[in-house]
Each structure stands twice: as C-alpha cells, then as structure tokens.
C-alpha cells in the first residue's frame, strides 16, 4: 500500500490498479500524488476516475459518447481497496462519512453514499 504525506489515504499499489482497470493510467504525476484512469463499458459509458494522495481526494466523471452525465468529487479520502472487480473508497470528514463502490465488468456500476454521524 502507498500512503500520502499525512499517512491517512492508503491506496492499492500500481499493479493492483493496472489489474483492476485493465489499463495504465491515462494521466499520472507521481511527484504530485495524482493518478487518473479511464474505462469504457460495452454500452459506451465512460468512467474517468482520478485521485490525489496528498489532497486526499477522489473524483469520478461519467459520460456517454461525448455527453457528460455526472461528476462527483470528495475530499477526506482515507482508503481505497480493490477486491476482484470491486473498488471501495472510504472518506471521513467533519460530521460525515462517505463511501464510493465501483464495480467493473460488462457494465460500470458506480455508487456514492454518505451518512452524517453524530
């Protein structure tokens, strides 16, 4: 696992990410802690997922053909894990926890959720 400067945002190593996305990053700046991956499913839905270790942020953008559908960004990332065809990212920030679950296969499935904590 790699960790950011604060030791808080842990991510899979580059080989695990290569195996998960079945592709090299489309953009990468190791010195800036930035990686970006793109995948397209059989329906033509394209996902662009980027993250920054030092900013502890993750962004997802979905589009069909050249039409953007939605972009979601979150800061406060704590961990990113990969198990088979599923990636899970956990976030924590003042008063809330959030989670991203990304499943890749025949189609891209992307679920963002957040809960307020007392």
PDB file of N, CA and C in Angstrom:
ATOM      1  N   UNK A   1       0.831  -1.193   0.000  1.00  0.00           N
ATOM      2  CA  UNK A   1       0.000   0.000   0.000  1.00  0.00           C
ATOM      3  C   UNK A   1       0.868   1.245   0.000  1.00  0.00           C
ATOM      4  N   UNK A   2       0.408   2.272  -0.695  1.00  0.00           N
ATOM      5  CA  UNK A   2       1.073   3.566  -0.653  1.00  0.00           C
ATOM      6  C   UNK A   2       0.273   4.474   0.244  1.00  0.00           C
ATOM      7  N   UNK A   3       0.982   5.416   0.880  1.00  0.00           N
ATOM      8  CA  UNK A   3       0.289   6.338   1.757  1.00  0.00           C
ATOM      9  C   UNK A   3       0.684   7.764   1.428  1.00  0.00           C
ATOM     10  N   UNK A   4      -0.258   8.688   1.652  1.00  0.00           N
ATOM     11  CA  UNK A   4       0.012  10.094   1.432  1.00  0.00           C
ATOM     12  C   UNK A   4       0.910  10.649   2.525  1.00  0.00           C
ATOM     13  N   UNK A   5       1.263  11.921   2.402  1.00  0.00           N
ATOM     14  CA  UNK A   5       2.147  12.546   3.374  1.00  0.00           C
ATOM     15  C   UNK A   5       1.585  12.485   4.775  1.00  0.00           C
ATOM     16  N   UNK A   6       0.281  12.613   4.911  1.00  0.00           N
ATOM     17  CA  UNK A   6      -0.322  12.577   6.235  1.00  0.00           C
ATOM     18  C   UNK A   6      -0.457  11.155   6.754  1.00  0.00           C
ATOM     19  N   UNK A   7      -0.165  10.155   5.908  1.00  0.00           N
ATOM     20  CA  UNK A   7      -0.287   8.766   6.342  1.00  0.00           C
ATOM     21  C   UNK A   7      -1.725   8.312   6.447  1.00  0.00           C
ATOM     22  N   UNK A   8      -2.659   9.077   5.855  1.00  0.00           N
ATOM     23  CA  UNK A   8      -4.068   8.788   6.048  1.00  0.00           C
ATOM     24  C   UNK A   8      -4.727   8.116   4.849  1.00  0.00           C
ATOM     25  N   UNK A   9      -4.360   8.481   3.625  1.00  0.00           N
ATOM     26  CA  UNK A   9      -5.030   7.948   2.436  1.00  0.00           C
ATOM     27  C   UNK A   9      -4.200   6.801   1.871  1.00  0.00           C
ATOM     28  N   UNK A  10      -4.638   5.578   2.102  1.00  0.00           N
ATOM     29  CA  UNK A  10      -3.927   4.412   1.576  1.00  0.00           C
ATOM     30  C   UNK A  10      -4.609   3.940   0.297  1.00  0.00           C
ATOM     31  N   UNK A  11      -3.786   3.529  -0.666  1.00  0.00           N
ATOM     32  CA  UNK A  11      -4.295   3.081  -1.963  1.00  0.00           C
ATOM     33  C   UNK A  11      -3.638   1.762  -2.334  1.00  0.00           C
ATOM     34  N   UNK A  12      -4.238   1.016  -3.267  1.00  0.00           N
ATOM     35  CA  UNK A  12      -3.580  -0.195  -3.782  1.00  0.00           C
ATOM     36  C   UNK A  12      -2.300   0.190  -4.527  1.00  0.00           C
ATOM     37  N   UNK A  13      -1.391  -0.767  -4.700  1.00  0.00           N
ATOM     38  CA  UNK A  13      -0.189  -0.461  -5.477  1.00  0.00           C
ATOM     39  C   UNK A  13      -0.560  -0.380  -6.958  1.00  0.00           C
ATOM     40  N   UNK A  14       0.374   0.109  -7.768  1.00  0.00           N
ATOM     41  CA  UNK A  14       0.079   0.353  -9.178  1.00  0.00           C
ATOM     42  C   UNK A  14      -0.268  -0.915  -9.941  1.00  0.00           C
ATOM     43  N   UNK A  15       0.317  -2.040  -9.573  1.00  0.00           N
ATOM     44  CA  UNK A  15      -0.012  -3.303 -10.238  1.00  0.00           C
ATOM     45  C   UNK A  15      -1.471  -3.690  -9.978  1.00  0.00           C
ATOM     46  N   UNK A  16      -1.930  -3.532  -8.735  1.00  0.00           N
ATOM     47  CA  UNK A  16      -3.334  -3.829  -8.422  1.00  0.00           C
ATOM     48  C   UNK A  16      -4.272  -2.922  -9.207  1.00  0.00           C
ATOM     49  N   UNK A  17      -3.915  -1.647  -9.327  1.00  0.00           N
ATOM     50  CA  UNK A  17      -4.749  -0.716 -10.094  1.00  0.00           C
ATOM     51  C   UNK A  17      -4.742  -1.068 -11.576  1.00  0.00           C
ATOM     52  N   UNK A  18      -3.589  -1.457 -12.110  1.00  0.00           N
ATOM     53  CA  UNK A  18      -3.491  -1.898 -13.503  1.00  0.00           C
ATOM     54  C   UNK A  18      -4.390  -3.103 -13.741  1.00  0.00           C
ATOM     55  N   UNK A  19      -4.362  -4.069 -12.833  1.00  0.00           N
ATOM     56  CA  UNK A  19      -5.206  -5.258 -12.966  1.00  0.00           C
ATOM     57  C   UNK A  19      -6.688  -4.910 -12.845  1.00  0.00           C
ATOM     58  N   UNK A  20      -7.032  -3.991 -11.959  1.00  0.00           N
ATOM     59  CA  UNK A  20      -8.432  -3.616 -11.769  1.00  0.00           C
ATOM     60  C   UNK A  20      -8.986  -2.903 -13.001  1.00  0.00           C
ATOM     61  N   UNK A  21      -8.256  -1.898 -13.499  1.00  0.00           N
ATOM     62  CA  UNK A  21      -8.739  -1.112 -14.636  1.00  0.00           C
ATOM     63  C   UNK A  21      -8.404  -1.741 -15.981  1.00  0.00           C
ATOM     64  N   UNK A  22      -7.539  -2.761 -15.992  1.00  0.00           N
ATOM     65  CA  UNK A  22      -7.077  -3.398 -17.235  1.00  0.00           C
ATOM     66  C   UNK A  22      -6.453  -2.372 -18.170  1.00  0.00           C
ATOM     67  N   UNK A  23      -5.833  -1.349 -17.594  1.00  0.00           N
ATOM     68  CA  UNK A  23      -5.196  -0.299 -18.385  1.00  0.00           C
ATOM     69  C   UNK A  23      -4.256   0.507 -17.503  1.00  0.00           C
ATOM     70  N   UNK A  24      -3.268   1.092 -18.150  1.00  0.00           N
ATOM     71  CA  UNK A  24      -2.397   2.042 -17.462  1.00  0.00           C
ATOM     72  C   UNK A  24      -3.167   3.336 -17.218  1.00  0.00           C
ATOM     73  N   UNK A  25      -2.697   4.161 -16.290  1.00  0.00           N
ATOM     74  CA  UNK A  25      -3.349   5.463 -16.102  1.00  0.00           C
ATOM     75  C   UNK A  25      -3.244   6.306 -17.371  1.00  0.00           C
ATOM     76  N   UNK A  26      -4.280   7.083 -17.652  1.00  0.00           N
ATOM     77  CA  UNK A  26      -4.244   7.988 -18.803  1.00  0.00           C
ATOM     78  C   UNK A  26      -3.473   9.255 -18.455  1.00  0.00           C
ATOM     79  N   UNK A  27      -3.397   9.562 -17.154  1.00  0.00           N
ATOM     80  CA  UNK A  27      -2.591  10.665 -16.646  1.00  0.00           C
ATOM     81  C   UNK A  27      -1.988  10.206 -15.329  1.00  0.00           C
ATOM     82  N   UNK A  28      -0.755  10.669 -15.069  1.00  0.00           N
ATOM     83  CA  UNK A  28      -0.120  10.305 -13.803  1.00  0.00           C
ATOM     84  C   UNK A  28       0.989  11.296 -13.517  1.00  0.00           C
ATOM     85  N   UNK A  29       1.036  11.738 -12.281  1.00  0.00           N
ATOM     86  CA  UNK A  29       2.128  12.574 -11.797  1.00  0.00           C
ATOM     87  C   UNK A  29       2.463  12.091 -10.391  1.00  0.00           C
ATOM     88  N   UNK A  30       3.404  11.158 -10.313  1.00  0.00           N
ATOM     89  CA  UNK A  30       3.751  10.536  -9.033  1.00  0.00           C
ATOM     90  C   UNK A  30       4.199  11.597  -8.032  1.00  0.00           C
ATOM     91  N   UNK A  31       5.003  12.557  -8.485  1.00  0.00           N
ATOM     92  CA  UNK A  31       5.507  13.577  -7.558  1.00  0.00           C
ATOM     93  C   UNK A  31       4.396  14.457  -6.995  1.00  0.00           C
ATOM     94  N   UNK A  32       3.288  14.594  -7.744  1.00  0.00           N
ATOM     95  CA  UNK A  32       2.142  15.361  -7.259  1.00  0.00           C
ATOM     96  C   UNK A  32       1.100  14.479  -6.566  1.00  0.00           C
ATOM     97  N   UNK A  33       1.317  13.149  -6.585  1.00  0.00           N
ATOM     98  CA  UNK A  33       0.372  12.230  -5.951  1.00  0.00           C
ATOM     99  C   UNK A  33      -0.914  12.060  -6.733  1.00  0.00           C
ATOM    100  N   UNK A  34      -0.869  12.230  -8.063  1.00  0.00           N
ATOM    101  CA  UNK A  34      -2.077  12.232  -8.894  1.00  0.00           C
ATOM    102  C   UNK A  34      -2.067  11.068  -9.880  1.00  0.00           C
ATOM    103  N   UNK A  35      -3.197  10.358  -9.959  1.00  0.00           N
ATOM    104  CA  UNK A  35      -3.415   9.297 -10.948  1.00  0.00           C
ATOM    105  C   UNK A  35      -4.810   9.461 -11.536  1.00  0.00           C
ATOM    106  N   UNK A  36      -4.964   9.103 -12.816  1.00  0.00           N
ATOM    107  CA  UNK A  36      -6.264   9.162 -13.483  1.00  0.00           C
ATOM    108  C   UNK A  36      -6.400   7.959 -14.409  1.00  0.00           C
ATOM    109  N   UNK A  37      -7.519   7.269 -14.305  1.00  0.00           N
ATOM    110  CA  UNK A  37      -7.804   6.091 -15.119  1.00  0.00           C
ATOM    111  C   UNK A  37      -9.102   6.314 -15.873  1.00  0.00           C
ATOM    112  N   UNK A  38      -9.204   5.724 -17.060  1.00  0.00           N
ATOM    113  CA  UNK A  38     -10.446   5.746 -17.836  1.00  0.00           C
ATOM    114  C   UNK A  38     -10.798   4.339 -18.276  1.00  0.00           C
ATOM    115  N   UNK A  39     -12.077   4.008 -18.196  1.00  0.00           N
ATOM    116  CA  UNK A  39     -12.588   2.738 -18.708  1.00  0.00           C
ATOM    117  C   UNK A  39     -13.910   3.012 -19.409  1.00  0.00           C
ATOM    118  N   UNK A  40     -14.217   2.198 -20.416  1.00  0.00           N
ATOM    119  CA  UNK A  40     -15.490   2.294 -21.134  1.00  0.00           C
ATOM    120  C   UNK A  40     -16.113   0.916 -21.148  1.00  0.00           C
ATOM    121  N   UNK A  41     -17.409   0.849 -20.798  1.00  0.00           N
ATOM    122  CA  UNK A  41     -18.066  -0.462 -20.784  1.00  0.00           C
ATOM    123  C   UNK A  41     -18.672  -0.770 -22.159  1.00  0.00           C
ATOM    124  N   UNK A  42     -19.294  -1.931 -22.273  1.00  0.00           N
ATOM    125  CA  UNK A  42     -19.824  -2.398 -23.559  1.00  0.00           C
ATOM    126  C   UNK A  42     -20.977  -1.531 -24.076  1.00  0.00           C
ATOM    127  N   UNK A  43     -21.605  -0.735 -23.194  1.00  0.00           N
ATOM    128  CA  UNK A  43     -22.697   0.153 -23.603  1.00  0.00           C
ATOM    129  C   UNK A  43     -22.203   1.511 -24.062  1.00  0.00           C
ATOM    130  N   UNK A  44     -20.887   1.747 -23.939  1.00  0.00           N
ATOM    131  CA  UNK A  44     -20.336   3.041 -24.328  1.00  0.00           C
ATOM    132  C   UNK A  44     -20.300   4.051 -23.197  1.00  0.00           C
ATOM    133  N   UNK A  45     -20.580   3.617 -21.961  1.00  0.00           N
ATOM    134  CA  UNK A  45     -20.473   4.507 -20.805  1.00  0.00           C
ATOM    135  C   UNK A  45     -18.996   4.585 -20.414  1.00  0.00           C
ATOM    136  N   UNK A  46     -18.492   5.806 -20.317  1.00  0.00           N
ATOM    137  CA  UNK A  46     -17.088   6.002 -19.970  1.00  0.00           C
ATOM    138  C   UNK A  46     -16.974   6.566 -18.556  1.00  0.00           C
ATOM    139  N   UNK A  47     -16.095   5.968 -17.783  1.00  0.00           N
ATOM    140  CA  UNK A  47     -15.802   6.440 -16.436  1.00  0.00           C
ATOM    141  C   UNK A  47     -14.377   6.973 -16.415  1.00  0.00           C
ATOM    142  N   UNK A  48     -14.227   8.127 -15.841  1.00  0.00           N
ATOM    143  CA  UNK A  48     -12.902   8.697 -15.583  1.00  0.00           C
ATOM    144  C   UNK A  48     -12.792   8.832 -14.065  1.00  0.00           C
ATOM    145  N   UNK A  49     -11.866   8.088 -13.465  1.00  0.00           N
ATOM    146  CA  UNK A  49     -11.654   8.138 -12.021  1.00  0.00           C
ATOM    147  C   UNK A  49     -10.255   8.678 -11.776  1.00  0.00           C
ATOM    148  N   UNK A  50     -10.177   9.733 -10.973  1.00  0.00           N
ATOM    149  CA  UNK A  50      -8.878  10.294 -10.626  1.00  0.00           C
ATOM    150  C   UNK A  50      -8.793  10.453  -9.118  1.00  0.00           C
ATOM    151  N   UNK A  51      -7.558  10.432  -8.623  1.00  0.00           N
ATOM    152  CA  UNK A  51      -7.365  10.644  -7.193  1.00  0.00           C
ATOM    153  C   UNK A  51      -6.036  11.336  -6.949  1.00  0.00           C
ATOM    154  N   UNK A  52      -5.985  12.035  -5.806  1.00  0.00           N
ATOM    155  CA  UNK A  52      -4.779  12.719  -5.403  1.00  0.00           C
ATOM    156  C   UNK A  52      -4.466  12.314  -3.971  1.00  0.00           C
ATOM    157  N   UNK A  53      -3.315  11.681  -3.791  1.00  0.00           N
ATOM    158  CA  UNK A  53      -2.899  11.217  -2.465  1.00  0.00           C
ATOM    159  C   UNK A  53      -2.746  12.359  -1.481  1.00  0.00           C
ATOM    160  N   UNK A  54      -2.099  13.428  -1.910  1.00  0.00           N
ATOM    161  CA  UNK A  54      -1.768  14.497  -0.987  1.00  0.00           C
ATOM    162  C   UNK A  54      -2.974  15.348  -0.621  1.00  0.00           C
ATOM    163  N   UNK A  55      -3.893  15.515  -1.560  1.00  0.00           N
ATOM    164  CA  UNK A  55      -5.127  16.259  -1.280  1.00  0.00           C
ATOM    165  C   UNK A  55      -6.197  15.372  -0.663  1.00  0.00           C
ATOM    166  N   UNK A  56      -5.938  14.041  -0.668  1.00  0.00           N
ATOM    167  CA  UNK A  56      -6.893  13.052  -0.141  1.00  0.00           C
ATOM    168  C   UNK A  56      -8.254  13.211  -0.832  1.00  0.00           C
ATOM    169  N   UNK A  57      -8.219  13.252  -2.174  1.00  0.00           N
ATOM    170  CA  UNK A  57      -9.453  13.469  -2.936  1.00  0.00           C
ATOM    171  C   UNK A  57      -9.608  12.408  -4.022  1.00  0.00           C
ATOM    172  N   UNK A  58     -10.885  12.144  -4.371  1.00  0.00           N
ATOM    173  CA  UNK A  58     -11.234  11.212  -5.441  1.00  0.00           C
ATOM    174  C   UNK A  58     -12.328  11.875  -6.260  1.00  0.00           C
ATOM    175  N   UNK A  59     -12.227  11.761  -7.579  1.00  0.00           N
ATOM    176  CA  UNK A  59     -13.248  12.312  -8.473  1.00  0.00           C
ATOM    177  C   UNK A  59     -13.654  11.260  -9.480  1.00  0.00           C
ATOM    178  N   UNK A  60     -14.953  11.162  -9.735  1.00  0.00           N
ATOM    179  CA  UNK A  60     -15.466  10.291 -10.787  1.00  0.00           C
ATOM    180  C   UNK A  60     -16.272  11.142 -11.758  1.00  0.00           C
ATOM    181  N   UNK A  61     -16.133  10.834 -13.044  1.00  0.00           N
ATOM    182  CA  UNK A  61     -16.913  11.516 -14.081  1.00  0.00           C
ATOM    183  C   UNK A  61     -17.436  10.451 -15.030  1.00  0.00           C
ATOM    184  N   UNK A  62     -18.745  10.441 -15.255  1.00  0.00           N
ATOM    185  CA  UNK A  62     -19.373   9.516 -16.195  1.00  0.00           C
ATOM    186  C   UNK A  62     -19.828  10.281 -17.423  1.00  0.00           C
ATOM    187  N   UNK A  63     -19.660   9.657 -18.586  1.00  0.00           N
ATOM    188  CA  UNK A  63     -20.190  10.246 -19.809  1.00  0.00           C
ATOM    189  C   UNK A  63     -20.586   9.140 -20.773  1.00  0.00           C
ATOM    190  N   UNK A  64     -21.512   9.484 -21.677  1.00  0.00           N
ATOM    191  CA  UNK A  64     -21.917   8.598 -22.760  1.00  0.00           C
ATOM    192  C   UNK A  64     -21.570   9.319 -24.048  1.00  0.00           C
ATOM    193  N   UNK A  65     -20.799   8.632 -24.888  1.00  0.00           N
ATOM    194  CA  UNK A  65     -20.220   9.255 -26.078  1.00  0.00           C
ATOM    195  C   UNK A  65     -19.473  10.503 -25.622  1.00  0.00           C
ATOM    196  N   UNK A  66     -19.839  11.664 -26.132  1.00  0.00           N
ATOM    197  CA  UNK A  66     -19.172  12.898 -25.706  1.00  0.00           C
ATOM    198  C   UNK A  66     -20.042  13.720 -24.762  1.00  0.00           C
ATOM    199  N   UNK A  67     -21.104  13.113 -24.229  1.00  0.00           N
ATOM    200  CA  UNK A  67     -22.021  13.844 -23.368  1.00  0.00           C
ATOM    201  C   UNK A  67     -21.757  13.543 -21.899  1.00  0.00           C
ATOM    202  N   UNK A  68     -21.288  14.547 -21.139  1.00  0.00           N
ATOM    203  CA  UNK A  68     -21.084  14.344 -19.707  1.00  0.00           C
ATOM    204  C   UNK A  68     -22.413  14.078 -19.002  1.00  0.00           C
ATOM    205  N   UNK A  69     -22.415  13.123 -18.059  1.00  0.00           N
ATOM    206  CA  UNK A  69     -23.615  12.815 -17.289  1.00  0.00           C
ATOM    207  C   UNK A  69     -23.525  13.374 -15.877  1.00  0.00           C
ATOM    208  N   UNK A  70     -22.433  13.038 -15.163  1.00  0.00           N
ATOM    209  CA  UNK A  70     -22.302  13.471 -13.782  1.00  0.00           C
ATOM    210  C   UNK A  70     -20.845  13.397 -13.361  1.00  0.00           C
ATOM    211  N   UNK A  71     -20.460  14.338 -12.523  1.00  0.00           N
ATOM    212  CA  UNK A  71     -19.140  14.336 -11.902  1.00  0.00           C
ATOM    213  C   UNK A  71     -19.341  14.461 -10.403  1.00  0.00           C
ATOM    214  N   UNK A  72     -18.665  13.600  -9.647  1.00  0.00           N
ATOM    215  CA  UNK A  72     -18.730  13.637  -8.188  1.00  0.00           C
ATOM    216  C   UNK A  72     -17.303  13.677  -7.659  1.00  0.00           C
ATOM    217  N   UNK A  73     -17.057  14.601  -6.732  1.00  0.00           N
ATOM    218  CA  UNK A  73     -15.747  14.720  -6.092  1.00  0.00           C
ATOM    219  C   UNK A  73     -15.928  14.688  -4.587  1.00  0.00           C
ATOM    220  N   UNK A  74     -14.977  14.056  -3.921  1.00  0.00           N
ATOM    221  CA  UNK A  74     -14.984  14.031  -2.457  1.00  0.00           C
ATOM    222  C   UNK A  74     -13.572  14.187  -1.952  1.00  0.00           C
ATOM    223  N   UNK A  75     -13.440  14.918  -0.860  1.00  0.00           N
ATOM    224  CA  UNK A  75     -12.172  15.023  -0.153  1.00  0.00           C
ATOM    225  C   UNK A  75     -12.291  14.219   1.134  1.00  0.00           C
ATOM    226  N   UNK A  76     -11.221  14.122   1.865  1.00  0.00           N
ATOM    227  CA  UNK A  76     -11.230  13.369   3.117  1.00  0.00           C
ATOM    228  C   UNK A  76     -11.071  11.873   2.912  1.00  0.00           C
ATOM    229  N   UNK A  77     -10.471  11.476   1.779  1.00  0.00           N
ATOM    230  CA  UNK A  77     -10.289  10.053   1.491  1.00  0.00           C
ATOM    231  C   UNK A  77      -9.365   9.426   2.532  1.00  0.00           C
ATOM    232  N   UNK A  78      -9.750   8.244   3.003  1.00  0.00           N
ATOM    233  CA  UNK A  78      -8.932   7.509   3.964  1.00  0.00           C
ATOM    234  C   UNK A  78      -8.344   6.242   3.368  1.00  0.00           C
ATOM    235  N   UNK A  79      -9.145   5.538   2.555  1.00  0.00           N
ATOM    236  CA  UNK A  79      -8.641   4.281   1.991  1.00  0.00           C
ATOM    237  C   UNK A  79      -9.313   3.984   0.663  1.00  0.00           C
ATOM    238  N   UNK A  80      -8.568   3.267  -0.171  1.00  0.00           N
ATOM    239  CA  UNK A  80      -9.055   2.746  -1.443  1.00  0.00           C
ATOM    240  C   UNK A  80      -8.593   1.290  -1.475  1.00  0.00           C
ATOM    241  N   UNK A  81      -9.548   0.376  -1.632  1.00  0.00           N
ATOM    242  CA  UNK A  81      -9.196  -1.042  -1.676  1.00  0.00           C
ATOM    243  C   UNK A  81      -9.823  -1.681  -2.903  1.00  0.00           C
ATOM    244  N   UNK A  82      -9.185  -2.753  -3.389  1.00  0.00           N
ATOM    245  CA  UNK A  82      -9.677  -3.492  -4.537  1.00  0.00           C
ATOM    246  C   UNK A  82      -9.823  -4.951  -4.139  1.00  0.00           C
ATOM    247  N   UNK A  83     -10.991  -5.521  -4.455  1.00  0.00           N
ATOM    248  CA  UNK A  83     -11.242  -6.948  -4.248  1.00  0.00           C
ATOM    249  C   UNK A  83     -11.968  -7.450  -5.491  1.00  0.00           C
ATOM    250  N   UNK A  84     -11.259  -8.199  -6.325  1.00  0.00           N
ATOM    251  CA  UNK A  84     -11.852  -8.688  -7.569  1.00  0.00           C
ATOM    252  C   UNK A  84     -12.212  -7.535  -8.477  1.00  0.00           C
ATOM    253  N   UNK A  85     -13.485  -7.454  -8.875  1.00  0.00           N
ATOM    254  CA  UNK A  85     -13.945  -6.397  -9.776  1.00  0.00           C
ATOM    255  C   UNK A  85     -14.586  -5.232  -9.024  1.00  0.00           C
ATOM    256  N   UNK A  86     -14.316  -5.121  -7.719  1.00  0.00           N
ATOM    257  CA  UNK A  86     -14.910  -4.064  -6.909  1.00  0.00           C
ATOM    258  C   UNK A  86     -13.840  -3.216  -6.237  1.00  0.00           C
ATOM    259  N   UNK A  87     -13.982  -1.912  -6.380  1.00  0.00           N
ATOM    260  CA  UNK A  87     -13.132  -0.954  -5.678  1.00  0.00           C
ATOM    261  C   UNK A  87     -14.005  -0.226  -4.663  1.00  0.00           C
ATOM    262  N   UNK A  88     -13.494  -0.072  -3.455  1.00  0.00           N
ATOM    263  CA  UNK A  88     -14.201   0.662  -2.412  1.00  0.00           C
ATOM    264  C   UNK A  88     -13.291   1.770  -1.896  1.00  0.00           C
ATOM    265  N   UNK A  89     -13.833   2.973  -1.838  1.00  0.00           N
ATOM    266  CA  UNK A  89     -13.113   4.112  -1.266  1.00  0.00           C
ATOM    267  C   UNK A  89     -13.916   4.608  -0.074  1.00  0.00           C
ATOM    268  N   UNK A  90     -13.209   4.871   1.009  1.00  0.00           N
ATOM    269  CA  UNK A  90     -13.853   5.381   2.233  1.00  0.00           C
ATOM    270  C   UNK A  90     -13.337   6.785   2.517  1.00  0.00           C
ATOM    271  N   UNK A  91     -14.270   7.639   2.957  1.00  0.00           N
ATOM    272  CA  UNK A  91     -13.975   9.036   3.230  1.00  0.00           C
ATOM    273  C   UNK A  91     -14.500   9.387   4.615  1.00  0.00           C
ATOM    274  N   UNK A  92     -13.834  10.291   5.287  1.00  0.00           N
ATOM    275  CA  UNK A  92     -14.303  10.773   6.576  1.00  0.00           C
ATOM    276  C   UNK A  92     -13.945  12.242   6.689  1.00  0.00           C
ATOM    277  N   UNK A  93     -14.899  13.027   7.084  1.00  0.00           N
ATOM    278  CA  UNK A  93     -14.676  14.447   7.283  1.00  0.00           C
ATOM    279  C   UNK A  93     -15.646  14.912   8.341  1.00  0.00           C
ATOM    280  N   UNK A  94     -15.461  16.100   8.836  1.00  0.00           N
ATOM    281  CA  UNK A  94     -16.216  16.590   9.976  1.00  0.00           C
ATOM    282  C   UNK A  94     -17.718  16.321   9.845  1.00  0.00           C
ATOM    283  N   UNK A  95     -18.226  15.463  10.714  1.00  0.00           N
ATOM    284  CA  UNK A  95     -19.649  15.194  10.784  1.00  0.00           C
ATOM    285  C   UNK A  95     -20.203  14.182   9.798  1.00  0.00           C
ATOM    286  N   UNK A  96     -19.384  13.651   8.891  1.00  0.00           N
ATOM    287  CA  UNK A  96     -19.905  12.722   7.882  1.00  0.00           C
ATOM    288  C   UNK A  96     -18.877  11.663   7.487  1.00  0.00           C
ATOM    289  N   UNK A  97     -19.400  10.551   7.023  1.00  0.00           N
ATOM    290  CA  UNK A  97     -18.606   9.504   6.384  1.00  0.00           C
ATOM    291  C   UNK A  97     -19.212   9.282   5.009  1.00  0.00           C
ATOM    292  N   UNK A  98     -18.377   8.981   4.034  1.00  0.00           N
ATOM    293  CA  UNK A  98     -18.862   8.714   2.678  1.00  0.00           C
ATOM    294  C   UNK A  98     -18.154   7.478   2.146  1.00  0.00           C
ATOM    295  N   UNK A  99     -18.771   6.890   1.122  1.00  0.00           N
ATOM    296  CA  UNK A  99     -18.198   5.689   0.522  1.00  0.00           C
ATOM    297  C   UNK A  99     -18.494   5.697  -0.971  1.00  0.00           C
ATOM    298  N   UNK A 100     -17.525   5.224  -1.729  1.00  0.00           N
ATOM    299  CA  UNK A 100     -17.662   5.004  -3.160  1.00  0.00           C
ATOM    300  C   UNK A 100     -17.442   3.524  -3.406  1.00  0.00           C
ATOM    301  N   UNK A 101     -18.372   2.886  -4.095  1.00  0.00           N
ATOM    302  CA  UNK A 101     -18.200   1.499  -4.509  1.00  0.00           C
ATOM    303  C   UNK A 101     -18.298   1.477  -6.031  1.00  0.00           C
ATOM    304  N   UNK A 102     -17.231   1.005  -6.661  1.00  0.00           N
ATOM    305  CA  UNK A 102     -17.149   0.929  -8.117  1.00  0.00           C
ATOM    306  C   UNK A 102     -16.987  -0.526  -8.509  1.00  0.00           C
ATOM    307  N   UNK A 103     -17.891  -1.000  -9.378  1.00  0.00           N
ATOM    308  CA  UNK A 103     -17.803  -2.367  -9.892  1.00  0.00           C
ATOM    309  C   UNK A 103     -17.603  -2.297 -11.399  1.00  0.00           C
ATOM    310  N   UNK A 104     -16.593  -3.027 -11.867  1.00  0.00           N
ATOM    311  CA  UNK A 104     -16.323  -3.088 -13.294  1.00  0.00           C
ATOM    312  C   UNK A 104     -16.594  -4.494 -13.787  1.00  0.00           C
ATOM    313  N   UNK A 105     -17.114  -4.613 -14.960  1.00  0.00           N
ATOM    314  CA  UNK A 105     -17.425  -5.895 -15.587  1.00  0.00           C
ATOM    315  C   UNK A 105     -18.021  -5.573 -16.940  1.00  0.00           C
ATOM    316  N   UNK A 106     -19.138  -6.233 -17.275  1.00  0.00           N
ATOM    317  CA  UNK A 106     -19.812  -5.905 -18.528  1.00  0.00           C
ATOM    318  C   UNK A 106     -20.311  -4.466 -18.536  1.00  0.00           C
ATOM    319  N   UNK A 107     -20.674  -3.965 -17.354  1.00  0.00           N
ATOM    320  CA  UNK A 107     -21.132  -2.584 -17.249  1.00  0.00           C
ATOM    321  C   UNK A 107     -20.510  -1.942 -16.010  1.00  0.00           C
ATOM    322  N   UNK A 108     -20.372  -0.643 -16.061  1.00  0.00           N
ATOM    323  CA  UNK A 108     -19.830   0.129 -14.945  1.00  0.00           C
ATOM    324  C   UNK A 108     -20.955   0.385 -13.958  1.00  0.00           C
ATOM    325  N   UNK A 109     -20.719   0.065 -12.697  1.00  0.00           N
ATOM    326  CA  UNK A 109     -21.673   0.362 -11.628  1.00  0.00           C
ATOM    327  C   UNK A 109     -20.952   1.237 -10.621  1.00  0.00           C
ATOM    328  N   UNK A 110     -21.504   2.406 -10.357  1.00  0.00           N
ATOM    329  CA  UNK A 110     -20.870   3.394  -9.508  1.00  0.00           C
ATOM    330  C   UNK A 110     -21.870   3.836  -8.451  1.00  0.00           C
ATOM    331  N   UNK A 111     -21.532   3.640  -7.189  1.00  0.00           N
ATOM    332  CA  UNK A 111     -22.424   4.021  -6.079  1.00  0.00           C
ATOM    333  C   UNK A 111     -21.682   4.931  -5.108  1.00  0.00           C
ATOM    334  N   UNK A 112     -22.167   6.141  -4.957  1.00  0.00           N
ATOM    335  CA  UNK A 112     -21.660   7.070  -3.957  1.00  0.00           C
ATOM    336  C   UNK A 112     -22.704   7.153  -2.846  1.00  0.00           C
ATOM    337  N   UNK A 113     -22.272   7.168  -1.604  1.00  0.00           N
ATOM    338  CA  UNK A 113     -23.208   7.353  -0.496  1.00  0.00           C
ATOM    339  C   UNK A 113     -22.497   8.093   0.630  1.00  0.00           C
ATOM    340  N   UNK A 114     -23.265   8.813   1.415  1.00  0.00           N
ATOM    341  CA  UNK A 114     -22.702   9.478   2.577  1.00  0.00           C
ATOM    342  C   UNK A 114     -23.720   9.463   3.708  1.00  0.00           C
ATOM    343  N   UNK A 115     -23.194   9.428   4.912  1.00  0.00           N
ATOM    344  CA  UNK A 115     -24.016   9.429   6.113  1.00  0.00           C
ATOM    345  C   UNK A 115     -23.480  10.455   7.095  1.00  0.00           C
ATOM    346  N   UNK A 116     -24.384  11.172   7.683  1.00  0.00           N
ATOM    347  CA  UNK A 116     -23.989  12.099   8.723  1.00  0.00           C
ATOM    348  C   UNK A 116     -23.787  11.308  10.001  1.00  0.00           C
ATOM    349  N   UNK A 117     -22.728  11.614  10.728  1.00  0.00           N
ATOM    350  CA  UNK A 117     -22.505  10.951  12.003  1.00  0.00           C
ATOM    351  C   UNK A 117     -22.670  11.954  13.114  1.00  0.00           C
ATOM    352  N   UNK A 118     -23.182  11.484  14.200  1.00  0.00           N
ATOM    353  CA  UNK A 118     -23.435  12.360  15.359  1.00  0.00           C
ATOM    354  C   UNK A 118     -22.230  12.401  16.250  1.00  0.00           C
TER     355      UNK A 118
END
